[in-house]
Amino acid sequence: MSKPPKIIKLGYHDIEFSVSSELPDGTTGHYSQNHRMLVVSKDQSPQDQVNTLFHEVVHVAWDLAKLEGSDEHEERVASVLGNLLTEFVSRNPGLLRWMQERLNESD
């Protein structure tokens, strides 16, 4: 099994990334805007780790795009998009490989 990257690049930011069991009970992931750090709990299934990563990446995108709305609205959007992105990736492995090949092609 491969190790996760230590840095995730999104927008103009490098975000520190880790998978850890040192999150408070009941917390599956966390994004710190101030520290540009994203953590996913190790204490969940591999598929749930991916889902949590997508959920937290939506929080990062929300922050970078300076979107407005209540915390509840942001959380709802992150949950819905995180779930849909996880399903998209897990149900379309051939498409994911095709996308990666396209992104790696040189111009």
N, C-alpha and C. Protein backbone atom coordinates (compact mmCIF):
# COMPACT_ATOMS: atom_id res chain seq x y z
N MET A 1 0.85 -1.17 0.00
CA MET A 1 0.00 0.00 0.00
C MET A 1 0.90 1.24 0.00
N SER A 2 0.58 2.19 -0.85
CA SER A 2 1.41 3.38 -0.95
C SER A 2 1.10 4.36 0.18
N LYS A 3 2.10 5.16 0.50
CA LYS A 3 1.93 6.19 1.53
C LYS A 3 1.29 7.42 0.91
N PRO A 4 0.50 8.13 1.68
CA PRO A 4 -0.11 9.36 1.14
C PRO A 4 0.96 10.44 0.97
N PRO A 5 0.74 11.35 0.02
CA PRO A 5 1.69 12.45 -0.13
C PRO A 5 1.66 13.35 1.10
N LYS A 6 2.77 13.99 1.39
CA LYS A 6 2.83 14.89 2.54
C LYS A 6 2.27 16.27 2.21
N ILE A 7 2.18 16.58 0.92
CA ILE A 7 1.69 17.88 0.46
C ILE A 7 0.61 17.65 -0.59
N ILE A 8 -0.50 18.37 -0.44
CA ILE A 8 -1.56 18.41 -1.45
C ILE A 8 -1.53 19.81 -2.03
N LYS A 9 -1.56 19.90 -3.34
CA LYS A 9 -1.55 21.21 -4.00
C LYS A 9 -2.96 21.51 -4.48
N LEU A 10 -3.47 22.65 -4.07
CA LEU A 10 -4.79 23.07 -4.51
C LEU A 10 -4.79 24.59 -4.60
N GLY A 11 -5.22 25.09 -5.76
CA GLY A 11 -5.14 26.52 -5.98
C GLY A 11 -3.68 26.93 -5.92
N TYR A 12 -3.39 27.97 -5.21
CA TYR A 12 -2.02 28.47 -5.09
C TYR A 12 -1.39 28.06 -3.75
N HIS A 13 -1.95 27.05 -3.12
CA HIS A 13 -1.47 26.63 -1.80
C HIS A 13 -0.90 25.22 -1.81
N ASP A 14 0.10 25.03 -0.98
CA ASP A 14 0.57 23.71 -0.61
C ASP A 14 -0.03 23.42 0.75
N ILE A 15 -0.76 22.33 0.85
CA ILE A 15 -1.45 21.99 2.09
C ILE A 15 -0.83 20.72 2.65
N GLU A 16 -0.39 20.81 3.88
CA GLU A 16 0.20 19.66 4.56
C GLU A 16 -0.89 18.61 4.75
N PHE A 17 -0.59 17.35 4.41
CA PHE A 17 -1.58 16.28 4.49
C PHE A 17 -1.04 15.13 5.31
N SER A 18 -1.91 14.58 6.17
CA SER A 18 -1.52 13.39 6.94
C SER A 18 -2.74 12.54 7.24
N VAL A 19 -2.46 11.27 7.48
CA VAL A 19 -3.47 10.32 7.94
C VAL A 19 -3.02 9.94 9.35
N SER A 20 -3.89 10.19 10.32
CA SER A 20 -3.47 10.08 11.72
C SER A 20 -4.57 9.50 12.58
N SER A 21 -4.19 8.88 13.68
CA SER A 21 -5.17 8.41 14.67
C SER A 21 -5.25 9.39 15.84
N GLU A 22 -4.65 10.55 15.68
CA GLU A 22 -4.60 11.54 16.77
C GLU A 22 -5.62 12.66 16.60
N LEU A 23 -6.82 12.32 16.15
CA LEU A 23 -7.91 13.30 16.07
C LEU A 23 -8.85 13.06 17.25
N PRO A 24 -9.57 14.09 17.66
CA PRO A 24 -10.53 13.88 18.77
C PRO A 24 -11.57 12.81 18.41
N ASP A 25 -12.09 12.14 19.43
CA ASP A 25 -13.10 11.09 19.22
C ASP A 25 -14.25 11.62 18.37
N GLY A 26 -14.65 10.81 17.39
CA GLY A 26 -15.76 11.17 16.54
C GLY A 26 -15.39 12.06 15.37
N THR A 27 -14.15 12.53 15.32
CA THR A 27 -13.70 13.39 14.22
C THR A 27 -13.02 12.52 13.17
N THR A 28 -13.51 12.60 11.95
CA THR A 28 -12.93 11.77 10.88
C THR A 28 -11.96 12.55 10.01
N GLY A 29 -11.99 13.87 10.11
CA GLY A 29 -11.07 14.69 9.33
C GLY A 29 -11.12 16.13 9.80
N HIS A 30 -10.08 16.87 9.41
CA HIS A 30 -10.01 18.27 9.82
C HIS A 30 -9.14 19.04 8.84
N TYR A 31 -9.60 20.25 8.48
CA TYR A 31 -8.80 21.17 7.68
C TYR A 31 -8.58 22.43 8.50
N SER A 32 -7.34 22.83 8.66
CA SER A 32 -7.00 24.07 9.36
C SER A 32 -6.59 25.11 8.33
N GLN A 33 -7.43 26.12 8.17
CA GLN A 33 -7.14 27.20 7.24
C GLN A 33 -5.88 27.95 7.66
N ASN A 34 -5.74 28.22 8.95
CA ASN A 34 -4.60 28.99 9.45
C ASN A 34 -3.28 28.27 9.25
N HIS A 35 -3.28 26.96 9.40
CA HIS A 35 -2.04 26.19 9.30
C HIS A 35 -1.88 25.50 7.94
N ARG A 36 -2.88 25.64 7.07
CA ARG A 36 -2.87 24.97 5.76
C ARG A 36 -2.51 23.49 5.95
N MET A 37 -3.33 22.85 6.78
CA MET A 37 -3.08 21.46 7.13
C MET A 37 -4.40 20.68 7.05
N LEU A 38 -4.35 19.50 6.44
CA LEU A 38 -5.52 18.64 6.32
C LEU A 38 -5.16 17.28 6.90
N VAL A 39 -6.00 16.79 7.79
CA VAL A 39 -5.76 15.50 8.45
C VAL A 39 -6.99 14.62 8.26
N VAL A 40 -6.75 13.36 7.91
CA VAL A 40 -7.80 12.36 7.79
C VAL A 40 -7.53 11.28 8.83
N SER A 41 -8.59 10.83 9.50
CA SER A 41 -8.44 9.82 10.53
C SER A 41 -8.07 8.47 9.95
N LYS A 42 -7.07 7.86 10.56
CA LYS A 42 -6.63 6.52 10.19
C LYS A 42 -7.64 5.48 10.68
N ASP A 43 -8.45 5.86 11.66
CA ASP A 43 -9.36 4.93 12.33
C ASP A 43 -10.69 4.79 11.61
N GLN A 44 -10.64 4.64 10.30
CA GLN A 44 -11.83 4.41 9.49
C GLN A 44 -11.43 3.55 8.29
N SER A 45 -12.40 3.03 7.59
CA SER A 45 -12.10 2.16 6.45
C SER A 45 -11.39 2.95 5.36
N PRO A 46 -10.66 2.27 4.48
CA PRO A 46 -9.99 2.98 3.39
C PRO A 46 -10.95 3.81 2.54
N GLN A 47 -12.15 3.28 2.24
CA GLN A 47 -13.11 4.04 1.45
C GLN A 47 -13.58 5.27 2.22
N ASP A 48 -13.78 5.14 3.52
CA ASP A 48 -14.19 6.29 4.32
C ASP A 48 -13.06 7.32 4.42
N GLN A 49 -11.81 6.88 4.40
CA GLN A 49 -10.69 7.83 4.37
C GLN A 49 -10.74 8.67 3.10
N VAL A 50 -11.01 8.03 1.96
CA VAL A 50 -11.12 8.76 0.70
C VAL A 50 -12.30 9.73 0.75
N ASN A 51 -13.43 9.26 1.27
CA ASN A 51 -14.61 10.12 1.39
C ASN A 51 -14.30 11.34 2.27
N THR A 52 -13.62 11.10 3.37
CA THR A 52 -13.25 12.20 4.27
C THR A 52 -12.30 13.16 3.57
N LEU A 53 -11.35 12.62 2.81
CA LEU A 53 -10.43 13.49 2.07
C LEU A 53 -11.20 14.39 1.12
N PHE A 54 -12.12 13.83 0.33
CA PHE A 54 -12.92 14.66 -0.57
C PHE A 54 -13.72 15.70 0.20
N HIS A 55 -14.31 15.30 1.31
CA HIS A 55 -15.08 16.22 2.15
C HIS A 55 -14.21 17.40 2.59
N GLU A 56 -13.02 17.09 3.07
CA GLU A 56 -12.12 18.15 3.54
C GLU A 56 -11.59 19.00 2.39
N VAL A 57 -11.37 18.41 1.22
CA VAL A 57 -10.93 19.18 0.05
C VAL A 57 -12.01 20.18 -0.36
N VAL A 58 -13.27 19.81 -0.20
CA VAL A 58 -14.35 20.78 -0.47
C VAL A 58 -14.24 21.95 0.50
N HIS A 59 -13.91 21.70 1.76
CA HIS A 59 -13.69 22.79 2.71
C HIS A 59 -12.53 23.69 2.25
N VAL A 60 -11.47 23.07 1.76
CA VAL A 60 -10.33 23.84 1.25
C VAL A 60 -10.77 24.71 0.08
N ALA A 61 -11.50 24.11 -0.86
CA ALA A 61 -11.98 24.86 -2.02
C ALA A 61 -12.90 25.99 -1.60
N TRP A 62 -13.75 25.74 -0.63
CA TRP A 62 -14.66 26.77 -0.09
C TRP A 62 -13.85 27.95 0.43
N ASP A 63 -12.80 27.63 1.15
CA ASP A 63 -11.92 28.66 1.72
C ASP A 63 -11.19 29.43 0.61
N LEU A 64 -10.60 28.71 -0.33
CA LEU A 64 -9.83 29.35 -1.39
C LEU A 64 -10.71 30.22 -2.28
N ALA A 65 -11.94 29.77 -2.53
CA ALA A 65 -12.86 30.52 -3.40
C ALA A 65 -13.57 31.64 -2.63
N LYS A 66 -13.32 31.69 -1.32
CA LYS A 66 -13.95 32.69 -0.45
C LYS A 66 -15.47 32.67 -0.60
N LEU A 67 -16.03 31.45 -0.62
CA LEU A 67 -17.48 31.29 -0.72
C LEU A 67 -18.12 31.71 0.59
N GLU A 68 -19.32 32.18 0.50
CA GLU A 68 -20.03 32.63 1.69
C GLU A 68 -21.17 31.68 2.01
N GLY A 69 -21.56 31.69 3.26
CA GLY A 69 -22.66 30.86 3.72
C GLY A 69 -22.41 30.46 5.16
N SER A 70 -23.44 29.96 5.78
CA SER A 70 -23.31 29.54 7.18
C SER A 70 -22.42 28.31 7.27
N ASP A 71 -21.93 28.05 8.46
CA ASP A 71 -21.13 26.84 8.69
C ASP A 71 -21.95 25.59 8.34
N GLU A 72 -23.24 25.62 8.66
CA GLU A 72 -24.11 24.48 8.37
C GLU A 72 -24.23 24.26 6.86
N HIS A 73 -24.34 25.35 6.10
CA HIS A 73 -24.44 25.24 4.65
C HIS A 73 -23.13 24.68 4.07
N GLU A 74 -22.01 25.20 4.52
CA GLU A 74 -20.71 24.70 4.05
C GLU A 74 -20.57 23.22 4.36
N GLU A 75 -20.97 22.81 5.55
CA GLU A 75 -20.85 21.40 5.96
C GLU A 75 -21.73 20.51 5.09
N ARG A 76 -22.93 20.98 4.77
CA ARG A 76 -23.85 20.22 3.92
C ARG A 76 -23.26 20.05 2.52
N VAL A 77 -22.74 21.14 1.95
CA VAL A 77 -22.13 21.08 0.62
C VAL A 77 -20.94 20.12 0.64
N ALA A 78 -20.08 20.21 1.66
CA ALA A 78 -18.91 19.33 1.76
C ALA A 78 -19.33 17.87 1.87
N SER A 79 -20.37 17.59 2.62
CA SER A 79 -20.85 16.21 2.77
C SER A 79 -21.40 15.66 1.47
N VAL A 80 -22.27 16.44 0.81
CA VAL A 80 -22.88 15.97 -0.44
C VAL A 80 -21.82 15.77 -1.52
N LEU A 81 -20.96 16.77 -1.73
CA LEU A 81 -19.94 16.65 -2.77
C LEU A 81 -18.91 15.58 -2.43
N GLY A 82 -18.52 15.47 -1.17
CA GLY A 82 -17.59 14.42 -0.76
C GLY A 82 -18.14 13.04 -1.08
N ASN A 83 -19.41 12.81 -0.76
CA ASN A 83 -20.04 11.52 -1.04
C ASN A 83 -20.12 11.25 -2.54
N LEU A 84 -20.52 12.26 -3.31
CA LEU A 84 -20.65 12.08 -4.76
C LEU A 84 -19.30 11.85 -5.42
N LEU A 85 -18.28 12.58 -5.01
CA LEU A 85 -16.94 12.39 -5.58
C LEU A 85 -16.38 11.01 -5.24
N THR A 86 -16.62 10.55 -4.02
CA THR A 86 -16.17 9.22 -3.63
C THR A 86 -16.84 8.16 -4.49
N GLU A 87 -18.15 8.30 -4.70
CA GLU A 87 -18.87 7.35 -5.55
C GLU A 87 -18.36 7.41 -6.98
N PHE A 88 -18.14 8.62 -7.50
CA PHE A 88 -17.65 8.79 -8.87
C PHE A 88 -16.33 8.06 -9.06
N VAL A 89 -15.40 8.26 -8.15
CA VAL A 89 -14.08 7.64 -8.27
C VAL A 89 -14.17 6.12 -8.10
N SER A 90 -14.94 5.65 -7.13
CA SER A 90 -14.98 4.21 -6.87
C SER A 90 -15.74 3.44 -7.95
N ARG A 91 -16.69 4.07 -8.60
CA ARG A 91 -17.50 3.37 -9.60
C ARG A 91 -16.98 3.52 -11.03
N ASN A 92 -15.96 4.33 -11.22
CA ASN A 92 -15.45 4.58 -12.56
C ASN A 92 -13.92 4.49 -12.63
N PRO A 93 -13.35 3.35 -12.24
CA PRO A 93 -11.89 3.26 -12.21
C PRO A 93 -11.25 3.45 -13.58
N GLY A 94 -11.88 2.98 -14.64
CA GLY A 94 -11.33 3.17 -15.98
C GLY A 94 -11.30 4.63 -16.36
N LEU A 95 -12.33 5.35 -16.01
CA LEU A 95 -12.38 6.78 -16.31
C LEU A 95 -11.33 7.54 -15.51
N LEU A 96 -11.11 7.14 -14.28
CA LEU A 96 -10.09 7.78 -13.46
C LEU A 96 -8.70 7.59 -14.06
N ARG A 97 -8.42 6.38 -14.53
CA ARG A 97 -7.13 6.13 -15.20
C ARG A 97 -7.00 6.99 -16.45
N TRP A 98 -8.07 7.07 -17.25
CA TRP A 98 -8.07 7.88 -18.46
C TRP A 98 -7.81 9.35 -18.13
N MET A 99 -8.46 9.85 -17.10
CA MET A 99 -8.26 11.25 -16.69
C MET A 99 -6.81 11.49 -16.27
N GLN A 100 -6.24 10.56 -15.50
CA GLN A 100 -4.85 10.71 -15.05
C GLN A 100 -3.90 10.71 -16.23
N GLU A 101 -4.14 9.84 -17.21
CA GLU A 101 -3.29 9.83 -18.40
C GLU A 101 -3.37 11.18 -19.12
N ARG A 102 -4.55 11.74 -19.26
CA ARG A 102 -4.71 13.03 -19.93
C ARG A 102 -3.99 14.14 -19.17
N LEU A 103 -4.09 14.10 -17.86
CA LEU A 103 -3.44 15.15 -17.06
C LEU A 103 -1.93 15.04 -17.08
N ASN A 104 -1.41 13.84 -17.36
CA ASN A 104 0.04 13.64 -17.39
C ASN A 104 0.64 13.85 -18.78
N GLU A 105 -0.21 14.02 -19.80
CA GLU A 105 0.31 14.24 -21.15
C GLU A 105 0.97 15.60 -21.23
N SER A 106 2.08 15.65 -21.94
CA SER A 106 2.71 16.96 -22.14
C SER A 106 2.09 17.62 -23.34
N ASP A 107 2.05 18.94 -23.29
CA ASP A 107 1.45 19.71 -24.40
C ASP A 107 2.32 19.73 -25.61
